Amino acid sequence: MPTDKEYSIDEIIESNTKITKWYVGKNKKTITRDLKELQELGLVVKNKSRYKANIDLVNKLVFPSKSTK
């Protein structure tokens, strides 16, 4: 899934079988709540009704620079 693109909730759910299985039987309120929490953590950016990973922050968390160790 490209990280430079914005996705709708439906596209997010359909993008990955693990995500699809996780949200099966749940309504959009559940994933909306989860995406809101990711927004509050700064991991996701919302633009109208589409979402995008905050890849800069994710990269900093996954690959911290040597100067921050």
C-alpha atoms as a PDB file:
ATOM      1  CA  MET A   1       0.000   0.000   0.000  1.00  0.00           C
ATOM      2  CA  PRO A   2       1.678   3.251  -1.074  1.00  0.00           C
ATOM      3  CA  THR A   3       2.304   5.585   1.844  1.00  0.00           C
ATOM      4  CA  ASP A   4       2.109   8.805  -0.158  1.00  0.00           C
ATOM      5  CA  LYS A   5      -1.557   8.355  -1.105  1.00  0.00           C
ATOM      6  CA  GLU A   6      -4.741   9.186   0.816  1.00  0.00           C
ATOM      7  CA  TYR A   7      -7.297   6.414   1.325  1.00  0.00           C
ATOM      8  CA  SER A   8     -10.988   6.210   2.177  1.00  0.00           C
ATOM      9  CA  ILE A   9     -12.133   4.003   5.031  1.00  0.00           C
ATOM     10  CA  ASP A  10     -13.375   1.403   2.540  1.00  0.00           C
ATOM     11  CA  GLU A  11     -10.017   1.386   0.739  1.00  0.00           C
ATOM     12  CA  ILE A  12      -8.203   0.917   4.049  1.00  0.00           C
ATOM     13  CA  ILE A  13     -10.415  -2.015   5.041  1.00  0.00           C
ATOM     14  CA  GLU A  14     -10.076  -3.680   1.633  1.00  0.00           C
ATOM     15  CA  SER A  15      -6.331  -3.067   1.305  1.00  0.00           C
ATOM     16  CA  ASN A  16      -5.149  -5.887   3.515  1.00  0.00           C
ATOM     17  CA  THR A  17      -6.651  -9.242   4.442  1.00  0.00           C
ATOM     18  CA  LYS A  18      -5.578  -8.848   8.091  1.00  0.00           C
ATOM     19  CA  ILE A  19      -7.344  -5.486   8.315  1.00  0.00           C
ATOM     20  CA  THR A  20     -10.393  -6.926   6.554  1.00  0.00           C
ATOM     21  CA  LYS A  21     -10.575  -9.837   9.010  1.00  0.00           C
ATOM     22  CA  TRP A  22     -10.060  -7.533  11.981  1.00  0.00           C
ATOM     23  CA  TYR A  23     -13.010  -5.306  11.036  1.00  0.00           C
ATOM     24  CA  VAL A  24     -15.384  -7.977   9.689  1.00  0.00           C
ATOM     25  CA  GLY A  25     -18.752  -7.668  11.397  1.00  0.00           C
ATOM     26  CA  LYS A  26     -17.914  -4.239  12.777  1.00  0.00           C
ATOM     27  CA  ASN A  27     -19.377  -0.985  11.525  1.00  0.00           C
ATOM     28  CA  LYS A  28     -17.585   2.092  10.229  1.00  0.00           C
ATOM     29  CA  LYS A  29     -17.811   3.721  13.655  1.00  0.00           C
ATOM     30  CA  THR A  30     -15.234   1.229  14.920  1.00  0.00           C
ATOM     31  CA  ILE A  31     -12.603   1.961  12.273  1.00  0.00           C
ATOM     32  CA  THR A  32     -13.420   5.684  12.436  1.00  0.00           C
ATOM     33  CA  ARG A  33     -12.736   5.584  16.192  1.00  0.00           C
ATOM     34  CA  ASP A  34      -9.473   3.711  15.621  1.00  0.00           C
ATOM     35  CA  LEU A  35      -8.369   6.138  12.909  1.00  0.00           C
ATOM     36  CA  LYS A  36      -9.200   9.075  15.194  1.00  0.00           C
ATOM     37  CA  GLU A  37      -6.955   7.592  17.873  1.00  0.00           C
ATOM     38  CA  LEU A  38      -4.149   7.178  15.309  1.00  0.00           C
ATOM     39  CA  GLN A  39      -4.679  10.839  14.346  1.00  0.00           C
ATOM     40  CA  GLU A  40      -4.358  11.900  17.981  1.00  0.00           C
ATOM     41  CA  LEU A  41      -1.064   9.991  18.148  1.00  0.00           C
ATOM     42  CA  GLY A  42       0.091  11.756  14.984  1.00  0.00           C
ATOM     43  CA  LEU A  43       0.441   8.508  13.040  1.00  0.00           C
ATOM     44  CA  VAL A  44      -2.339   9.312  10.565  1.00  0.00           C
ATOM     45  CA  VAL A  45      -3.356  12.561   8.876  1.00  0.00           C
ATOM     46  CA  LYS A  46      -6.971  13.138   7.832  1.00  0.00           C
ATOM     47  CA  ASN A  47      -7.920  15.279   4.824  1.00  0.00           C
ATOM     48  CA  LYS A  48     -11.707  15.543   4.519  1.00  0.00           C
ATOM     49  CA  SER A  49     -12.820  11.887   4.476  1.00  0.00           C
ATOM     50  CA  ARG A  50      -9.480  10.397   3.433  1.00  0.00           C
ATOM     51  CA  TYR A  51      -6.538   9.234   5.515  1.00  0.00           C
ATOM     52  CA  LYS A  52      -2.799   9.098   4.967  1.00  0.00           C
ATOM     53  CA  ALA A  53       0.012   7.679   7.064  1.00  0.00           C
ATOM     54  CA  ASN A  54       2.279  10.258   8.654  1.00  0.00           C
ATOM     55  CA  ILE A  55       5.245   8.384   7.241  1.00  0.00           C
ATOM     56  CA  ASP A  56       7.801  10.903   8.515  1.00  0.00           C
ATOM     57  CA  LEU A  57       6.775  10.247  12.118  1.00  0.00           C
ATOM     58  CA  VAL A  58       6.490   6.495  11.542  1.00  0.00           C
ATOM     59  CA  ASN A  59      10.011   6.423  10.081  1.00  0.00           C
ATOM     60  CA  LYS A  60      11.356   8.366  13.062  1.00  0.00           C
ATOM     61  CA  LEU A  61       9.768   5.842  15.411  1.00  0.00           C
ATOM     62  CA  VAL A  62      10.934   2.789  13.460  1.00  0.00           C
ATOM     63  CA  PHE A  63      14.355   4.109  12.446  1.00  0.00           C
ATOM     64  CA  PRO A  64      15.490   6.542  15.147  1.00  0.00           C
ATOM     65  CA  SER A  65      18.576   8.523  14.269  1.00  0.00           C
ATOM     66  CA  LYS A  66      21.807   7.695  16.027  1.00  0.00           C
ATOM     67  CA  SER A  67      21.830  11.156  17.607  1.00  0.00           C
ATOM     68  CA  THR A  68      18.669  10.380  19.617  1.00  0.00           C
ATOM     69  CA  LYS A  69      20.051   7.200  21.199  1.00  0.00           C
END
